[in-house]
Amino acid sequence: MNGKKLVYQVESPKTQSTDAVKTLLAYKKVASDPLPQEVSLDGGRLVLVLSNKKDAYYTVTSRACSCPAATYNPGKPCKHITAHFKAEPLYDQVNSRAVREQFYASMRATGAV
């Protein structure tokens, strides 16, 4: 990919350079001028979001983001995660047994568990 490397790690997403994303878009035969605000990969399970300064793309998954806000507030979803992935209640935030059972029933119904 012309010496530009796209770094992909699900557990700890890495911010990508615009050059790396341009190379990826060229490979996928997608226009990169103007730079797209977001690039969806892996069936929508990973989204590259253009930073406000337009100098990098944040890597966003349903559980992690490479933006500074996610770094400064670990364990809390940043605006990129909430914008691109439906918020799901976490097990440790569910207090009552009835609510936990309802939560898991809905997760089983969707095939998530």
C-alpha atoms as a PDB file:
ATOM      1  CA  MET A   1       0.000   0.000   0.000  1.00  0.00           C
ATOM      2  CA  ASN A   2       2.703   2.507  -1.046  1.00  0.00           C
ATOM      3  CA  GLY A   3       4.552   2.386   2.284  1.00  0.00           C
ATOM      4  CA  LYS A   4       1.553   3.681   4.213  1.00  0.00           C
ATOM      5  CA  LYS A   5       0.322   1.245   6.798  1.00  0.00           C
ATOM      6  CA  LEU A   6      -3.177   0.899   8.203  1.00  0.00           C
ATOM      7  CA  VAL A   7      -2.935  -0.347  11.794  1.00  0.00           C
ATOM      8  CA  TYR A   8      -5.927  -2.404  12.969  1.00  0.00           C
ATOM      9  CA  GLN A   9      -6.361  -3.596  16.548  1.00  0.00           C
ATOM     10  CA  VAL A  10      -9.817  -4.284  17.953  1.00  0.00           C
ATOM     11  CA  GLU A  11      -8.760  -4.341  21.614  1.00  0.00           C
ATOM     12  CA  SER A  12      -6.873  -1.048  21.443  1.00  0.00           C
ATOM     13  CA  PRO A  13      -7.801   0.934  18.327  1.00  0.00           C
ATOM     14  CA  LYS A  14      -5.139   3.172  16.821  1.00  0.00           C
ATOM     15  CA  THR A  15      -5.693   6.556  15.192  1.00  0.00           C
ATOM     16  CA  GLN A  16      -4.950   6.376  11.464  1.00  0.00           C
ATOM     17  CA  SER A  17      -3.184   8.960   9.323  1.00  0.00           C
ATOM     18  CA  THR A  18      -5.144  10.525   6.495  1.00  0.00           C
ATOM     19  CA  ASP A  19      -2.533   9.197   4.057  1.00  0.00           C
ATOM     20  CA  ALA A  20      -3.141   5.617   5.225  1.00  0.00           C
ATOM     21  CA  VAL A  21      -6.908   6.046   4.831  1.00  0.00           C
ATOM     22  CA  LYS A  22      -6.467   7.636   1.375  1.00  0.00           C
ATOM     23  CA  THR A  23      -4.407   4.612   0.357  1.00  0.00           C
ATOM     24  CA  LEU A  24      -7.118   2.296   1.689  1.00  0.00           C
ATOM     25  CA  LEU A  25      -9.798   4.225  -0.219  1.00  0.00           C
ATOM     26  CA  ALA A  26      -7.731   4.076  -3.417  1.00  0.00           C
ATOM     27  CA  TYR A  27      -7.408   0.303  -2.948  1.00  0.00           C
ATOM     28  CA  LYS A  28     -11.187   0.037  -2.462  1.00  0.00           C
ATOM     29  CA  LYS A  29     -11.685   2.352  -5.489  1.00  0.00           C
ATOM     30  CA  VAL A  30     -13.529   4.978  -3.427  1.00  0.00           C
ATOM     31  CA  ALA A  31     -13.015   8.717  -3.961  1.00  0.00           C
ATOM     32  CA  SER A  32     -10.896  10.449  -1.337  1.00  0.00           C
ATOM     33  CA  ASP A  33     -11.302  14.048  -2.476  1.00  0.00           C
ATOM     34  CA  PRO A  34     -12.886  15.523  -0.453  1.00  0.00           C
ATOM     35  CA  LEU A  35     -12.020  13.343   2.509  1.00  0.00           C
ATOM     36  CA  PRO A  36     -15.070  11.392   3.691  1.00  0.00           C
ATOM     37  CA  GLN A  37     -16.258  12.148   7.232  1.00  0.00           C
ATOM     38  CA  GLU A  38     -16.407   8.412   7.973  1.00  0.00           C
ATOM     39  CA  VAL A  39     -15.353   5.120   6.432  1.00  0.00           C
ATOM     40  CA  SER A  40     -17.199   1.965   7.492  1.00  0.00           C
ATOM     41  CA  LEU A  41     -15.222  -1.295   7.493  1.00  0.00           C
ATOM     42  CA  ASP A  42     -15.789  -4.901   8.501  1.00  0.00           C
ATOM     43  CA  GLY A  43     -19.527  -4.806   7.835  1.00  0.00           C
ATOM     44  CA  GLY A  44     -19.997  -1.710   9.975  1.00  0.00           C
ATOM     45  CA  ARG A  45     -18.285  -3.148  13.049  1.00  0.00           C
ATOM     46  CA  LEU A  46     -15.426  -0.674  12.651  1.00  0.00           C
ATOM     47  CA  VAL A  47     -15.725   2.958  11.586  1.00  0.00           C
ATOM     48  CA  LEU A  48     -12.959   5.407  10.762  1.00  0.00           C
ATOM     49  CA  VAL A  49     -14.090   8.935  11.706  1.00  0.00           C
ATOM     50  CA  LEU A  50     -12.319  12.062  10.430  1.00  0.00           C
ATOM     51  CA  SER A  51     -11.026  14.297  13.236  1.00  0.00           C
ATOM     52  CA  ASN A  52     -12.144  17.928  13.475  1.00  0.00           C
ATOM     53  CA  LYS A  53      -8.664  19.104  12.416  1.00  0.00           C
ATOM     54  CA  LYS A  54      -8.930  16.726   9.423  1.00  0.00           C
ATOM     55  CA  ASP A  55      -5.413  15.447  10.063  1.00  0.00           C
ATOM     56  CA  ALA A  56      -6.294  11.909  11.207  1.00  0.00           C
ATOM     57  CA  TYR A  57      -9.037   9.310  11.438  1.00  0.00           C
ATOM     58  CA  TYR A  58     -10.161   7.903  14.780  1.00  0.00           C
ATOM     59  CA  THR A  59     -10.779   4.166  14.813  1.00  0.00           C
ATOM     60  CA  VAL A  60     -14.147   3.452  16.442  1.00  0.00           C
ATOM     61  CA  THR A  61     -15.644   0.111  17.476  1.00  0.00           C
ATOM     62  CA  SER A  62     -18.651  -0.598  19.670  1.00  0.00           C
ATOM     63  CA  ARG A  63     -16.358  -0.898  22.717  1.00  0.00           C
ATOM     64  CA  ALA A  64     -13.404   1.409  22.066  1.00  0.00           C
ATOM     65  CA  CYS A  65     -12.276   4.531  20.247  1.00  0.00           C
ATOM     66  CA  SER A  66      -8.849   6.001  19.584  1.00  0.00           C
ATOM     67  CA  CYS A  67      -9.953   9.616  20.194  1.00  0.00           C
ATOM     68  CA  PRO A  68      -8.481  11.675  23.066  1.00  0.00           C
ATOM     69  CA  ALA A  69     -11.810  11.729  24.951  1.00  0.00           C
ATOM     70  CA  ALA A  70     -11.813   7.941  25.150  1.00  0.00           C
ATOM     71  CA  THR A  71      -8.252   8.050  26.497  1.00  0.00           C
ATOM     72  CA  TYR A  72      -9.078  10.607  29.194  1.00  0.00           C
ATOM     73  CA  ASN A  73     -12.344   8.895  30.216  1.00  0.00           C
ATOM     74  CA  PRO A  74     -11.630   5.146  30.177  1.00  0.00           C
ATOM     75  CA  GLY A  75     -14.660   2.914  30.494  1.00  0.00           C
ATOM     76  CA  LYS A  76     -17.055   5.591  29.263  1.00  0.00           C
ATOM     77  CA  PRO A  77     -18.257   5.711  25.646  1.00  0.00           C
ATOM     78  CA  CYS A  78     -17.126   8.808  23.745  1.00  0.00           C
ATOM     79  CA  LYS A  79     -19.313  10.740  21.315  1.00  0.00           C
ATOM     80  CA  HIS A  80     -17.996   8.660  18.394  1.00  0.00           C
ATOM     81  CA  ILE A  81     -19.095   5.370  19.958  1.00  0.00           C
ATOM     82  CA  THR A  82     -22.534   6.707  20.880  1.00  0.00           C
ATOM     83  CA  ALA A  83     -22.995   8.247  17.422  1.00  0.00           C
ATOM     84  CA  HIS A  84     -22.072   5.123  15.455  1.00  0.00           C
ATOM     85  CA  PHE A  85     -23.140   2.256  17.698  1.00  0.00           C
ATOM     86  CA  LYS A  86     -26.393   1.697  19.536  1.00  0.00           C
ATOM     87  CA  ALA A  87     -25.843   2.103  23.247  1.00  0.00           C
ATOM     88  CA  GLU A  88     -26.352  -1.155  25.101  1.00  0.00           C
ATOM     89  CA  PRO A  89     -26.654  -1.379  28.892  1.00  0.00           C
ATOM     90  CA  LEU A  90     -23.673  -2.983  30.566  1.00  0.00           C
ATOM     91  CA  TYR A  91     -24.191  -5.906  32.927  1.00  0.00           C
ATOM     92  CA  ASP A  92     -22.582  -4.143  35.888  1.00  0.00           C
ATOM     93  CA  GLN A  93     -24.902  -1.148  35.455  1.00  0.00           C
ATOM     94  CA  VAL A  94     -28.000  -3.330  35.795  1.00  0.00           C
ATOM     95  CA  ASN A  95     -29.093  -3.470  39.427  1.00  0.00           C
ATOM     96  CA  SER A  96     -32.126  -5.699  39.808  1.00  0.00           C
ATOM     97  CA  ARG A  97     -32.364  -9.378  38.966  1.00  0.00           C
ATOM     98  CA  ALA A  98     -35.584  -8.874  36.955  1.00  0.00           C
ATOM     99  CA  VAL A  99     -33.921  -6.213  34.818  1.00  0.00           C
ATOM    100  CA  ARG A 100     -30.845  -8.433  34.294  1.00  0.00           C
ATOM    101  CA  GLU A 101     -33.062 -11.339  33.222  1.00  0.00           C
ATOM    102  CA  GLN A 102     -34.972  -9.094  30.808  1.00  0.00           C
ATOM    103  CA  PHE A 103     -31.669  -7.778  29.455  1.00  0.00           C
ATOM    104  CA  TYR A 104     -30.304 -11.278  28.797  1.00  0.00           C
ATOM    105  CA  ALA A 105     -33.613 -12.419  27.293  1.00  0.00           C
ATOM    106  CA  SER A 106     -33.449  -9.551  24.791  1.00  0.00           C
ATOM    107  CA  MET A 107     -29.772 -10.329  24.061  1.00  0.00           C
ATOM    108  CA  ARG A 108     -30.599 -14.005  23.425  1.00  0.00           C
ATOM    109  CA  ALA A 109     -33.515 -12.998  21.179  1.00  0.00           C
ATOM    110  CA  THR A 110     -31.162 -10.907  19.011  1.00  0.00           C
ATOM    111  CA  GLY A 111     -28.529 -13.657  18.941  1.00  0.00           C
ATOM    112  CA  ALA A 112     -25.958 -11.578  20.814  1.00  0.00           C
ATOM    113  CA  VAL A 113     -25.574 -14.138  23.637  1.00  0.00           C
END
